[in-house]
Amino acid sequence: MSPHGGGSMWAGCLVAPGVIEMAEVAAPDPADLRAGEVILAMRHGGVCGSDLPYFRAGGRPGAAGPARPGFPLHEIVGRVLVSRSGSLQPGDEVVGWAAASDGLAEQVVASDTALHPLPRPRHGGAPEAGFVVAQPLACVLYAVDQLGDLRGRSVAVLGLGPIGLLFGWELRRRGAARVVGVDPVDRRAAATDFGLDEIVVADSGTWADSLTGDRPDVVVEAVGHQAATTADAVRAVADEGTVYCFGIPLTEAYPVDVHALVRRNLRITGGMTLRRREVLGRALTLLSEFPRLAADLVTHVLPAADAQRAFDAACTPTPGQGKILVTMAG
């Protein structure tokens, strides 16, 4: 590998559904960088729930040819090697998004609008793996911003993977009066650390069917990848309530009970994270103020050579399992 980009590098290659193999591939060519882009030497990456359907499928549905090397991993911490950015220079350490979700590699291309420098000074010379948490936390911050004033309101979070746990923590920090989490995996040990008043160990449909009295004012659907959980959220939310769809959909159209939407004055919303550098900065500030947050969320850090094991574990969550990271740092 050239220290300034180009040449060859190692990368995790999705060679079949659910199968990652490490291979030597061409490194990003500095001559191909566009304005605002940088080449990063990868330090750490986080396995996200939105990566898992592509891992299981062997790539993006309908995409021609094999998945590109490094796919699918977008949560990254790295060091700038080559820059065509006016705000980032070689040597800067940053956190954010890999431009093409191809971060399981020695080097990756990213846009400066989706990166934020890590705070300085820090103890030790290398970025800490926990800084990866700034990326999913930024997504949660942006989503909760869309929900308005939550003080005194009751909220339910469907899906208590790392994203759902971060939602619970942030909803409580914003003043929600009651936060309930729902997940078929037993996450009750995490309740106190992440501000959850109650954790229901059940699938979302069973939980929605069980509601007979007070219903949550807001339901956050943090599972994604399936239509049923969105329908369950609509059934469960209180009249005049809000359903926020955070989990990434895999199909273009989801059935929605429009009768319930109109008759019960419901609001369904969602969105992708915008203003990424800004919300990454806010996330880094929170991680500095609450250093236990990343420590409580991250339960596994595996070397990149064990990426197969990292993705397999993320696909089969167990009690006590939180955020899984892969580290490329020596």
C-alpha atoms as a PDB file:
ATOM      1  CA  MET A   1       0.000   0.000   0.000  1.00  0.00           C
ATOM      2  CA  SER A   2       1.233   3.509  -0.802  1.00  0.00           C
ATOM      3  CA  PRO A   3       1.103   5.860   2.204  1.00  0.00           C
ATOM      4  CA  HIS A   4      -0.442   8.446  -0.112  1.00  0.00           C
ATOM      5  CA  GLY A   5      -3.106   6.319  -1.771  1.00  0.00           C
ATOM      6  CA  GLY A   6      -2.995   4.217  -4.915  1.00  0.00           C
ATOM      7  CA  GLY A   7      -1.328   0.836  -5.362  1.00  0.00           C
ATOM      8  CA  SER A   8      -2.983  -2.098  -3.647  1.00  0.00           C
ATOM      9  CA  MET A   9      -4.647  -2.690  -0.287  1.00  0.00           C
ATOM     10  CA  TRP A  10      -6.556  -5.342   1.612  1.00  0.00           C
ATOM     11  CA  ALA A  11     -10.360  -5.300   1.744  1.00  0.00           C
ATOM     12  CA  GLY A  12     -13.166  -7.496   2.918  1.00  0.00           C
ATOM     13  CA  CYS A  13     -15.033  -8.814  -0.115  1.00  0.00           C
ATOM     14  CA  LEU A  14     -18.618 -10.056   0.021  1.00  0.00           C
ATOM     15  CA  VAL A  15     -18.103 -13.053  -2.259  1.00  0.00           C
ATOM     16  CA  ALA A  16     -21.480 -14.740  -1.615  1.00  0.00           C
ATOM     17  CA  PRO A  17     -24.537 -14.113   0.563  1.00  0.00           C
ATOM     18  CA  GLY A  18     -23.255 -13.947   4.133  1.00  0.00           C
ATOM     19  CA  VAL A  19     -19.629 -14.710   3.181  1.00  0.00           C
ATOM     20  CA  ILE A  20     -16.758 -12.218   3.557  1.00  0.00           C
ATOM     21  CA  GLU A  21     -13.244 -13.040   2.388  1.00  0.00           C
ATOM     22  CA  MET A  22     -10.193 -10.822   2.722  1.00  0.00           C
ATOM     23  CA  ALA A  23      -8.435 -10.044  -0.567  1.00  0.00           C
ATOM     24  CA  GLU A  24      -5.832  -7.740  -2.101  1.00  0.00           C
ATOM     25  CA  VAL A  25      -7.519  -5.151  -4.339  1.00  0.00           C
ATOM     26  CA  ALA A  26      -6.703  -1.844  -5.978  1.00  0.00           C
ATOM     27  CA  ALA A  27      -6.502   1.059  -3.541  1.00  0.00           C
ATOM     28  CA  PRO A  28      -8.287   4.353  -4.280  1.00  0.00           C
ATOM     29  CA  ASP A  29      -6.415   6.433  -6.842  1.00  0.00           C
ATOM     30  CA  PRO A  30      -5.779  10.027  -5.695  1.00  0.00           C
ATOM     31  CA  ALA A  31      -6.240  11.153  -9.298  1.00  0.00           C
ATOM     32  CA  ASP A  32      -9.887  10.059  -9.127  1.00  0.00           C
ATOM     33  CA  LEU A  33     -10.777  12.226  -6.132  1.00  0.00           C
ATOM     34  CA  ARG A  34     -13.415  14.879  -6.686  1.00  0.00           C
ATOM     35  CA  ALA A  35     -13.542  18.238  -4.952  1.00  0.00           C
ATOM     36  CA  GLY A  36     -14.382  17.778  -1.267  1.00  0.00           C
ATOM     37  CA  GLU A  37     -13.281  14.150  -1.150  1.00  0.00           C
ATOM     38  CA  VAL A  38     -10.500  12.545   0.876  1.00  0.00           C
ATOM     39  CA  ILE A  39      -8.815   9.149   1.055  1.00  0.00           C
ATOM     40  CA  LEU A  40      -8.723   7.785   4.580  1.00  0.00           C
ATOM     41  CA  ALA A  41      -6.547   5.153   6.166  1.00  0.00           C
ATOM     42  CA  MET A  42      -9.174   3.197   8.055  1.00  0.00           C
ATOM     43  CA  ARG A  43      -8.791   2.805  11.808  1.00  0.00           C
ATOM     44  CA  HIS A  44     -12.149   1.480  13.039  1.00  0.00           C
ATOM     45  CA  GLY A  45     -15.588   0.657  11.677  1.00  0.00           C
ATOM     46  CA  GLY A  46     -18.966  -0.149  13.152  1.00  0.00           C
ATOM     47  CA  VAL A  47     -21.349  -2.869  11.985  1.00  0.00           C
ATOM     48  CA  CYS A  48     -24.766  -1.238  11.547  1.00  0.00           C
ATOM     49  CA  GLY A  49     -28.135  -2.965  11.368  1.00  0.00           C
ATOM     50  CA  SER A  50     -28.701  -1.344   7.981  1.00  0.00           C
ATOM     51  CA  ASP A  51     -25.613  -3.188   6.662  1.00  0.00           C
ATOM     52  CA  LEU A  52     -26.961  -6.614   7.551  1.00  0.00           C
ATOM     53  CA  PRO A  53     -29.585  -7.149   4.807  1.00  0.00           C
ATOM     54  CA  TYR A  54     -26.901  -6.452   2.197  1.00  0.00           C
ATOM     55  CA  PHE A  55     -24.510  -8.807   3.962  1.00  0.00           C
ATOM     56  CA  ARG A  56     -27.132 -11.556   3.982  1.00  0.00           C
ATOM     57  CA  ALA A  57     -28.061 -10.913   0.333  1.00  0.00           C
ATOM     58  CA  GLY A  58     -24.477 -10.703  -0.936  1.00  0.00           C
ATOM     59  CA  GLY A  59     -24.887  -7.103  -2.109  1.00  0.00           C
ATOM     60  CA  ARG A  60     -27.540  -4.537  -2.907  1.00  0.00           C
ATOM     61  CA  PRO A  61     -30.738  -6.120  -4.294  1.00  0.00           C
ATOM     62  CA  GLY A  62     -30.874  -5.742  -8.049  1.00  0.00           C
ATOM     63  CA  ALA A  63     -27.302  -4.485  -8.368  1.00  0.00           C
ATOM     64  CA  ALA A  64     -25.338  -5.924 -11.267  1.00  0.00           C
ATOM     65  CA  GLY A  65     -22.099  -7.779 -10.554  1.00  0.00           C
ATOM     66  CA  PRO A  66     -20.359  -8.484  -7.261  1.00  0.00           C
ATOM     67  CA  ALA A  67     -20.397  -6.047  -4.367  1.00  0.00           C
ATOM     68  CA  ARG A  68     -17.512  -3.588  -4.388  1.00  0.00           C
ATOM     69  CA  PRO A  69     -14.592  -4.367  -2.045  1.00  0.00           C
ATOM     70  CA  GLY A  70     -15.197  -3.099   1.473  1.00  0.00           C
ATOM     71  CA  PHE A  71     -18.995  -3.280   1.214  1.00  0.00           C
ATOM     72  CA  PRO A  72     -21.132  -3.153   3.364  1.00  0.00           C
ATOM     73  CA  LEU A  73     -19.752  -0.934   6.137  1.00  0.00           C
ATOM     74  CA  HIS A  74     -20.342   2.820   6.385  1.00  0.00           C
ATOM     75  CA  GLU A  75     -19.602   3.824  10.006  1.00  0.00           C
ATOM     76  CA  ILE A  76     -15.937   4.803  10.012  1.00  0.00           C
ATOM     77  CA  VAL A  77     -13.057   6.388  11.906  1.00  0.00           C
ATOM     78  CA  GLY A  78      -9.910   7.059   9.931  1.00  0.00           C
ATOM     79  CA  ARG A  79      -6.925   9.282   9.222  1.00  0.00           C
ATOM     80  CA  VAL A  80      -6.747  11.505   6.125  1.00  0.00           C
ATOM     81  CA  LEU A  81      -4.085  10.341   3.662  1.00  0.00           C
ATOM     82  CA  VAL A  82      -4.946  12.454   0.610  1.00  0.00           C
ATOM     83  CA  SER A  83      -7.265  15.446   0.499  1.00  0.00           C
ATOM     84  CA  ARG A  84      -9.120  17.512  -2.069  1.00  0.00           C
ATOM     85  CA  SER A  85     -11.004  19.172   0.773  1.00  0.00           C
ATOM     86  CA  GLY A  86     -10.623  22.747   1.879  1.00  0.00           C
ATOM     87  CA  SER A  87     -11.366  21.796   5.484  1.00  0.00           C
ATOM     88  CA  LEU A  88      -9.504  18.506   6.019  1.00  0.00           C
ATOM     89  CA  GLN A  89      -5.769  18.006   5.697  1.00  0.00           C
ATOM     90  CA  PRO A  90      -3.542  14.891   5.597  1.00  0.00           C
ATOM     91  CA  GLY A  91      -3.050  13.628   9.127  1.00  0.00           C
ATOM     92  CA  ASP A  92      -6.484  14.731  10.380  1.00  0.00           C
ATOM     93  CA  GLU A  93      -8.387  12.030  12.258  1.00  0.00           C
ATOM     94  CA  VAL A  94     -12.092  11.945  11.466  1.00  0.00           C
ATOM     95  CA  VAL A  95     -15.346  10.097  12.059  1.00  0.00           C
ATOM     96  CA  GLY A  96     -18.326   9.768   9.735  1.00  0.00           C
ATOM     97  CA  TRP A  97     -19.673   7.975   6.687  1.00  0.00           C
ATOM     98  CA  ALA A  98     -17.850   6.029   3.962  1.00  0.00           C
ATOM     99  CA  ALA A  99     -19.145   7.467   0.689  1.00  0.00           C
ATOM    100  CA  ALA A 100     -19.999   4.091  -0.881  1.00  0.00           C
ATOM    101  CA  SER A 101     -20.487   2.027   2.312  1.00  0.00           C
ATOM    102  CA  ASP A 102     -17.165   0.346   1.497  1.00  0.00           C
ATOM    103  CA  GLY A 103     -15.346   0.934   4.770  1.00  0.00           C
ATOM    104  CA  LEU A 104     -14.224  -2.646   5.420  1.00  0.00           C
ATOM    105  CA  ALA A 105     -10.909  -1.890   3.763  1.00  0.00           C
ATOM    106  CA  GLU A 106      -7.448  -0.516   4.371  1.00  0.00           C
ATOM    107  CA  GLN A 107      -8.357   2.737   2.613  1.00  0.00           C
ATOM    108  CA  VAL A 108     -11.668   4.374   1.757  1.00  0.00           C
ATOM    109  CA  VAL A 109     -12.970   7.474  -0.006  1.00  0.00           C
ATOM    110  CA  ALA A 110     -15.252   9.832   1.912  1.00  0.00           C
ATOM    111  CA  SER A 111     -16.757  13.298   1.486  1.00  0.00           C
ATOM    112  CA  ASP A 112     -15.778  16.095   3.837  1.00  0.00           C
ATOM    113  CA  THR A 113     -19.474  16.962   4.297  1.00  0.00           C
ATOM    114  CA  ALA A 114     -19.972  13.564   5.967  1.00  0.00           C
ATOM    115  CA  LEU A 115     -16.899  13.711   8.233  1.00  0.00           C
ATOM    116  CA  HIS A 116     -15.956  15.558  11.401  1.00  0.00           C
ATOM    117  CA  PRO A 117     -12.476  15.862  12.932  1.00  0.00           C
ATOM    118  CA  LEU A 118     -11.970  14.009  16.184  1.00  0.00           C
ATOM    119  CA  PRO A 119     -11.405  16.189  19.245  1.00  0.00           C
ATOM    120  CA  ARG A 120      -7.915  17.238  20.223  1.00  0.00           C
ATOM    121  CA  PRO A 121      -6.071  16.793  22.485  1.00  0.00           C
ATOM    122  CA  ARG A 122      -6.805  13.190  23.345  1.00  0.00           C
ATOM    123  CA  HIS A 123      -5.053  10.687  25.549  1.00  0.00           C
ATOM    124  CA  GLY A 124      -2.877   8.399  23.446  1.00  0.00           C
ATOM    125  CA  GLY A 125      -1.904   8.751  19.842  1.00  0.00           C
ATOM    126  CA  ALA A 126      -4.487   6.613  18.019  1.00  0.00           C
ATOM    127  CA  PRO A 127      -8.231   7.181  17.656  1.00  0.00           C
ATOM    128  CA  GLU A 128     -10.264   5.208  20.143  1.00  0.00           C
ATOM    129  CA  ALA A 129     -12.668   2.673  18.665  1.00  0.00           C
ATOM    130  CA  GLY A 130     -15.502   4.195  20.673  1.00  0.00           C
ATOM    131  CA  PHE A 131     -15.493   7.308  18.500  1.00  0.00           C
ATOM    132  CA  VAL A 132     -17.288   5.222  15.862  1.00  0.00           C
ATOM    133  CA  VAL A 133     -20.391   5.621  18.062  1.00  0.00           C
ATOM    134  CA  ALA A 134     -20.527   9.291  17.023  1.00  0.00           C
ATOM    135  CA  GLN A 135     -21.860   8.230  13.612  1.00  0.00           C
ATOM    136  CA  PRO A 136     -24.960   6.272  14.747  1.00  0.00           C
ATOM    137  CA  LEU A 137     -25.516   8.790  17.550  1.00  0.00           C
ATOM    138  CA  ALA A 138     -25.530  11.589  14.968  1.00  0.00           C
ATOM    139  CA  CYS A 139     -28.252   9.761  13.046  1.00  0.00           C
ATOM    140  CA  VAL A 140     -30.316   9.424  16.222  1.00  0.00           C
ATOM    141  CA  LEU A 141     -29.859  13.092  17.117  1.00  0.00           C
ATOM    142  CA  TYR A 142     -31.058  14.173  13.691  1.00  0.00           C
ATOM    143  CA  ALA A 143     -34.095  11.866  13.916  1.00  0.00           C
ATOM    144  CA  VAL A 144     -35.099  13.021  17.397  1.00  0.00           C
ATOM    145  CA  ASP A 145     -34.812  16.637  16.221  1.00  0.00           C
ATOM    146  CA  GLN A 146     -37.712  15.890  13.860  1.00  0.00           C
ATOM    147  CA  LEU A 147     -39.983  14.854  16.739  1.00  0.00           C
ATOM    148  CA  GLY A 148     -40.256  18.271  18.348  1.00  0.00           C
ATOM    149  CA  ASP A 149     -40.735  18.874  22.068  1.00  0.00           C
ATOM    150  CA  LEU A 150     -40.786  15.511  23.848  1.00  0.00           C
ATOM    151  CA  ARG A 151     -41.054  16.785  27.404  1.00  0.00           C
ATOM    152  CA  GLY A 152     -43.740  14.904  29.308  1.00  0.00           C
ATOM    153  CA  ARG A 153     -44.564  12.583  26.413  1.00  0.00           C
ATOM    154  CA  SER A 154     -44.521   8.796  26.361  1.00  0.00           C
ATOM    155  CA  VAL A 155     -42.413   7.051  23.722  1.00  0.00           C
ATOM    156  CA  ALA A 156     -41.893   3.459  22.606  1.00  0.00           C
ATOM    157  CA  VAL A 157     -38.875   2.230  20.648  1.00  0.00           C
ATOM    158  CA  LEU A 158     -39.276  -0.879  18.497  1.00  0.00           C
ATOM    159  CA  GLY A 159     -35.950  -2.700  18.208  1.00  0.00           C
ATOM    160  CA  LEU A 160     -33.268  -2.368  20.880  1.00  0.00           C
ATOM    161  CA  GLY A 161     -30.135  -2.971  18.913  1.00  0.00           C
ATOM    162  CA  PRO A 162     -27.467  -0.273  19.272  1.00  0.00           C
ATOM    163  CA  ILE A 163     -29.605   2.287  17.419  1.00  0.00           C
ATOM    164  CA  GLY A 164     -32.676   1.565  19.539  1.00  0.00           C
ATOM    165  CA  LEU A 165     -30.651   1.861  22.743  1.00  0.00           C
ATOM    166  CA  LEU A 166     -29.270   5.220  21.591  1.00  0.00           C
ATOM    167  CA  PHE A 167     -32.831   6.340  20.854  1.00  0.00           C
ATOM    168  CA  GLY A 168     -33.863   5.393  24.384  1.00  0.00           C
ATOM    169  CA  TRP A 169     -30.966   7.357  25.861  1.00  0.00           C
ATOM    170  CA  GLU A 170     -31.571  10.470  23.753  1.00  0.00           C
ATOM    171  CA  LEU A 171     -35.373  10.437  24.203  1.00  0.00           C
ATOM    172  CA  ARG A 172     -34.900  10.397  27.961  1.00  0.00           C
ATOM    173  CA  ARG A 173     -32.291  13.168  27.734  1.00  0.00           C
ATOM    174  CA  ARG A 174     -34.802  15.279  25.794  1.00  0.00           C
ATOM    175  CA  GLY A 175     -37.347  14.967  28.586  1.00  0.00           C
ATOM    176  CA  ALA A 176     -39.639  12.105  27.558  1.00  0.00           C
ATOM    177  CA  ALA A 177     -41.698  11.140  30.607  1.00  0.00           C
ATOM    178  CA  ARG A 178     -41.736   7.436  29.850  1.00  0.00           C
ATOM    179  CA  VAL A 179     -39.631   5.389  27.431  1.00  0.00           C
ATOM    180  CA  VAL A 180     -40.502   1.759  26.677  1.00  0.00           C
ATOM    181  CA  GLY A 181     -38.343  -0.537  24.543  1.00  0.00           C
ATOM    182  CA  VAL A 182     -39.610  -3.576  22.641  1.00  0.00           C
ATOM    183  CA  ASP A 183     -37.384  -6.362  21.358  1.00  0.00           C
ATOM    184  CA  PRO A 184     -37.648 -10.171  21.145  1.00  0.00           C
ATOM    185  CA  VAL A 185     -34.064 -10.372  22.467  1.00  0.00           C
ATOM    186  CA  ASP A 186     -33.874  -9.789  26.218  1.00  0.00           C
ATOM    187  CA  ARG A 187     -32.279  -6.340  26.625  1.00  0.00           C
ATOM    188  CA  ARG A 188     -33.450  -5.729  30.205  1.00  0.00           C
ATOM    189  CA  ALA A 189     -29.887  -5.507  31.505  1.00  0.00           C
ATOM    190  CA  ALA A 190     -29.444  -2.339  29.425  1.00  0.00           C
ATOM    191  CA  ALA A 191     -32.538  -0.538  30.728  1.00  0.00           C
ATOM    192  CA  THR A 192     -30.858   1.608  33.367  1.00  0.00           C
ATOM    193  CA  ASP A 193     -27.830   2.613  31.293  1.00  0.00           C
ATOM    194  CA  PHE A 194     -29.990   3.799  28.390  1.00  0.00           C
ATOM    195  CA  GLY A 195     -32.850   5.497  30.226  1.00  0.00           C
ATOM    196  CA  LEU A 196     -35.556   2.939  29.537  1.00  0.00           C
ATOM    197  CA  ASP A 197     -38.413   2.672  32.052  1.00  0.00           C
ATOM    198  CA  GLU A 198     -39.512  -0.719  30.775  1.00  0.00           C
ATOM    199  CA  ILE A 199     -38.276  -3.294  28.297  1.00  0.00           C
ATOM    200  CA  VAL A 200     -40.834  -5.645  26.777  1.00  0.00           C
ATOM    201  CA  VAL A 201     -39.280  -8.905  25.608  1.00  0.00           C
ATOM    202  CA  ALA A 202     -41.586  -9.633  22.660  1.00  0.00           C
ATOM    203  CA  ASP A 203     -41.932  -8.991  18.965  1.00  0.00           C
ATOM    204  CA  SER A 204     -43.630  -5.744  17.976  1.00  0.00           C
ATOM    205  CA  GLY A 205     -46.851  -7.446  16.887  1.00  0.00           C
ATOM    206  CA  THR A 206     -47.327  -9.248  20.204  1.00  0.00           C
ATOM    207  CA  TRP A 207     -46.637  -6.015  22.077  1.00  0.00           C
ATOM    208  CA  ALA A 208     -49.063  -3.986  19.943  1.00  0.00           C
ATOM    209  CA  ASP A 209     -51.792  -6.598  20.463  1.00  0.00           C
ATOM    210  CA  SER A 210     -51.262  -6.440  24.237  1.00  0.00           C
ATOM    211  CA  LEU A 211     -51.979  -2.710  24.560  1.00  0.00           C
ATOM    212  CA  THR A 212     -55.334  -2.032  26.177  1.00  0.00           C
ATOM    213  CA  GLY A 213     -54.922   1.241  28.078  1.00  0.00           C
ATOM    214  CA  ASP A 214     -52.513   4.119  27.643  1.00  0.00           C
ATOM    215  CA  ARG A 215     -50.651   4.089  24.351  1.00  0.00           C
ATOM    216  CA  PRO A 216     -47.398   5.877  23.557  1.00  0.00           C
ATOM    217  CA  ASP A 217     -47.584   9.345  22.054  1.00  0.00           C
ATOM    218  CA  VAL A 218     -44.613   8.504  19.815  1.00  0.00           C
ATOM    219  CA  VAL A 219     -43.433   5.171  18.424  1.00  0.00           C
ATOM    220  CA  VAL A 220     -39.947   4.973  16.885  1.00  0.00           C
ATOM    221  CA  GLU A 221     -39.606   2.086  14.453  1.00  0.00           C
ATOM    222  CA  ALA A 222     -35.885   1.309  14.692  1.00  0.00           C
ATOM    223  CA  VAL A 223     -35.993  -2.168  13.130  1.00  0.00           C
ATOM    224  CA  GLY A 224     -36.503  -1.550   9.416  1.00  0.00           C
ATOM    225  CA  HIS A 225     -36.164  -4.038   6.562  1.00  0.00           C
ATOM    226  CA  GLN A 226     -39.762  -5.270   6.906  1.00  0.00           C
ATOM    227  CA  ALA A 227     -43.260  -3.851   6.587  1.00  0.00           C
ATOM    228  CA  ALA A 228     -44.793  -5.577   9.610  1.00  0.00           C
ATOM    229  CA  THR A 229     -43.005  -3.490  12.241  1.00  0.00           C
ATOM    230  CA  THR A 230     -44.231  -0.238  10.677  1.00  0.00           C
ATOM    231  CA  ALA A 231     -47.797  -1.566  10.666  1.00  0.00           C
ATOM    232  CA  ASP A 232     -47.396  -2.578  14.311  1.00  0.00           C
ATOM    233  CA  ALA A 233     -46.186   0.915  15.183  1.00  0.00           C
ATOM    234  CA  VAL A 234     -49.272   2.456  13.552  1.00  0.00           C
ATOM    235  CA  ARG A 235     -51.548   0.103  15.514  1.00  0.00           C
ATOM    236  CA  ALA A 236     -49.775   0.826  18.791  1.00  0.00           C
ATOM    237  CA  VAL A 237     -49.451   4.614  18.765  1.00  0.00           C
ATOM    238  CA  ALA A 238     -51.982   6.821  20.563  1.00  0.00           C
ATOM    239  CA  ASP A 239     -54.528   8.884  18.650  1.00  0.00           C
ATOM    240  CA  GLU A 240     -52.927  12.111  17.356  1.00  0.00           C
ATOM    241  CA  GLY A 241     -49.574  10.375  17.836  1.00  0.00           C
ATOM    242  CA  THR A 242     -46.446  10.161  15.700  1.00  0.00           C
ATOM    243  CA  VAL A 243     -44.687   7.170  14.156  1.00  0.00           C
ATOM    244  CA  TYR A 244     -41.075   7.789  13.188  1.00  0.00           C
ATOM    245  CA  CYS A 245     -39.669   5.330  10.629  1.00  0.00           C
ATOM    246  CA  PHE A 246     -35.934   5.137  11.227  1.00  0.00           C
ATOM    247  CA  GLY A 247     -35.092   1.602  10.084  1.00  0.00           C
ATOM    248  CA  ILE A 248     -34.038   1.424   6.432  1.00  0.00           C
ATOM    249  CA  PRO A 249     -36.749  -0.031   4.142  1.00  0.00           C
ATOM    250  CA  LEU A 250     -35.778  -2.691   1.627  1.00  0.00           C
ATOM    251  CA  THR A 251     -38.805  -2.336  -0.651  1.00  0.00           C
ATOM    252  CA  GLU A 252     -40.135   0.770  -2.360  1.00  0.00           C
ATOM    253  CA  ALA A 253     -43.693   0.527  -1.023  1.00  0.00           C
ATOM    254  CA  TYR A 254     -44.954  -0.391   2.445  1.00  0.00           C
ATOM    255  CA  PRO A 255     -48.679  -0.869   3.108  1.00  0.00           C
ATOM    256  CA  VAL A 256     -50.043   1.748   5.529  1.00  0.00           C
ATOM    257  CA  ASP A 257     -53.468   1.753   7.175  1.00  0.00           C
ATOM    258  CA  VAL A 258     -54.665   5.072   5.743  1.00  0.00           C
ATOM    259  CA  HIS A 259     -58.022   4.639   7.491  1.00  0.00           C
ATOM    260  CA  ALA A 260     -56.213   4.701  10.848  1.00  0.00           C
ATOM    261  CA  LEU A 261     -53.985   7.539   9.668  1.00  0.00           C
ATOM    262  CA  VAL A 262     -56.979   9.760   8.865  1.00  0.00           C
ATOM    263  CA  ARG A 263     -59.526   8.694  11.484  1.00  0.00           C
ATOM    264  CA  ARG A 264     -56.992   8.770  14.346  1.00  0.00           C
ATOM    265  CA  ASN A 265     -55.150  11.927  13.206  1.00  0.00           C
ATOM    266  CA  LEU A 266     -51.778  10.172  13.071  1.00  0.00           C
ATOM    267  CA  ARG A 267     -48.499  11.450  11.705  1.00  0.00           C
ATOM    268  CA  ILE A 268     -45.955   9.169  10.030  1.00  0.00           C
ATOM    269  CA  THR A 269     -42.542  10.587   9.282  1.00  0.00           C
ATOM    270  CA  GLY A 270     -38.942   9.560   8.737  1.00  0.00           C
ATOM    271  CA  GLY A 271     -35.832  10.666   6.961  1.00  0.00           C
ATOM    272  CA  MET A 272     -32.178  10.240   6.160  1.00  0.00           C
ATOM    273  CA  THR A 273     -29.585  12.202   8.124  1.00  0.00           C
ATOM    274  CA  LEU A 274     -28.846  15.619   6.648  1.00  0.00           C
ATOM    275  CA  ARG A 275     -26.286  18.230   7.828  1.00  0.00           C
ATOM    276  CA  ARG A 276     -23.994  15.347   8.678  1.00  0.00           C
ATOM    277  CA  ARG A 277     -20.929  17.294   9.758  1.00  0.00           C
ATOM    278  CA  GLU A 278     -23.041  19.419  12.110  1.00  0.00           C
ATOM    279  CA  VAL A 279     -24.737  16.491  13.837  1.00  0.00           C
ATOM    280  CA  LEU A 280     -21.447  14.579  14.054  1.00  0.00           C
ATOM    281  CA  GLY A 281     -20.047  17.538  15.973  1.00  0.00           C
ATOM    282  CA  ARG A 282     -23.002  17.454  18.356  1.00  0.00           C
ATOM    283  CA  ALA A 283     -22.544  13.705  18.814  1.00  0.00           C
ATOM    284  CA  LEU A 284     -18.853  14.105  19.638  1.00  0.00           C
ATOM    285  CA  THR A 285     -19.725  16.749  22.231  1.00  0.00           C
ATOM    286  CA  LEU A 286     -22.181  14.366  23.892  1.00  0.00           C
ATOM    287  CA  LEU A 287     -19.649  11.532  23.895  1.00  0.00           C
ATOM    288  CA  SER A 288     -17.239  13.879  25.649  1.00  0.00           C
ATOM    289  CA  GLU A 289     -19.869  14.891  28.214  1.00  0.00           C
ATOM    290  CA  PHE A 290     -21.089  11.322  28.734  1.00  0.00           C
ATOM    291  CA  PRO A 291     -18.048   9.063  28.274  1.00  0.00           C
ATOM    292  CA  ARG A 292     -19.908   6.010  29.580  1.00  0.00           C
ATOM    293  CA  LEU A 293     -22.292   6.078  26.617  1.00  0.00           C
ATOM    294  CA  ALA A 294     -19.871   4.554  24.103  1.00  0.00           C
ATOM    295  CA  ALA A 295     -18.381   2.262  26.749  1.00  0.00           C
ATOM    296  CA  ASP A 296     -21.828   0.891  27.626  1.00  0.00           C
ATOM    297  CA  LEU A 297     -22.902   0.530  23.980  1.00  0.00           C
ATOM    298  CA  VAL A 298     -19.800  -1.185  22.537  1.00  0.00           C
ATOM    299  CA  THR A 299     -19.527  -4.795  23.687  1.00  0.00           C
ATOM    300  CA  HIS A 300     -17.319  -6.362  20.981  1.00  0.00           C
ATOM    301  CA  VAL A 301     -14.215  -5.082  19.166  1.00  0.00           C
ATOM    302  CA  LEU A 302     -12.812  -7.552  16.640  1.00  0.00           C
ATOM    303  CA  PRO A 303      -9.876  -7.281  14.233  1.00  0.00           C
ATOM    304  CA  ALA A 304     -10.755  -6.735  10.599  1.00  0.00           C
ATOM    305  CA  ALA A 305      -9.489 -10.248   9.828  1.00  0.00           C
ATOM    306  CA  ASP A 306     -12.464 -11.480  11.888  1.00  0.00           C
ATOM    307  CA  ALA A 307     -15.025  -9.417   9.976  1.00  0.00           C
ATOM    308  CA  GLN A 308     -16.954 -12.583   9.114  1.00  0.00           C
ATOM    309  CA  ARG A 309     -17.404 -13.313  12.808  1.00  0.00           C
ATOM    310  CA  ALA A 310     -18.381  -9.691  13.495  1.00  0.00           C
ATOM    311  CA  PHE A 311     -21.153  -9.717  10.876  1.00  0.00           C
ATOM    312  CA  ASP A 312     -22.354 -13.188  11.864  1.00  0.00           C
ATOM    313  CA  ALA A 313     -22.679 -12.040  15.476  1.00  0.00           C
ATOM    314  CA  ALA A 314     -24.533  -8.881  14.473  1.00  0.00           C
ATOM    315  CA  CYS A 315     -27.011 -11.027  12.519  1.00  0.00           C
ATOM    316  CA  THR A 316     -27.743 -13.186  15.581  1.00  0.00           C
ATOM    317  CA  PRO A 317     -28.027 -10.796  18.544  1.00  0.00           C
ATOM    318  CA  THR A 318     -27.976 -12.251  22.045  1.00  0.00           C
ATOM    319  CA  PRO A 319     -28.696 -10.784  25.493  1.00  0.00           C
ATOM    320  CA  GLY A 320     -25.878  -8.477  26.535  1.00  0.00           C
ATOM    321  CA  GLN A 321     -24.663  -7.933  22.971  1.00  0.00           C
ATOM    322  CA  GLY A 322     -24.440  -4.307  21.912  1.00  0.00           C
ATOM    323  CA  LYS A 323     -22.424  -2.493  19.274  1.00  0.00           C
ATOM    324  CA  ILE A 324     -19.882  -4.574  17.350  1.00  0.00           C
ATOM    325  CA  LEU A 325     -16.823  -2.837  15.969  1.00  0.00           C
ATOM    326  CA  VAL A 326     -14.037  -3.971  13.688  1.00  0.00           C
ATOM    327  CA  THR A 327     -10.623  -2.407  14.115  1.00  0.00           C
ATOM    328  CA  MET A 328      -8.001  -1.929  11.424  1.00  0.00           C
ATOM    329  CA  ALA A 329      -5.548  -0.249  13.796  1.00  0.00           C
ATOM    330  CA  GLY A 330      -2.317  -2.052  14.510  1.00  0.00           C
END
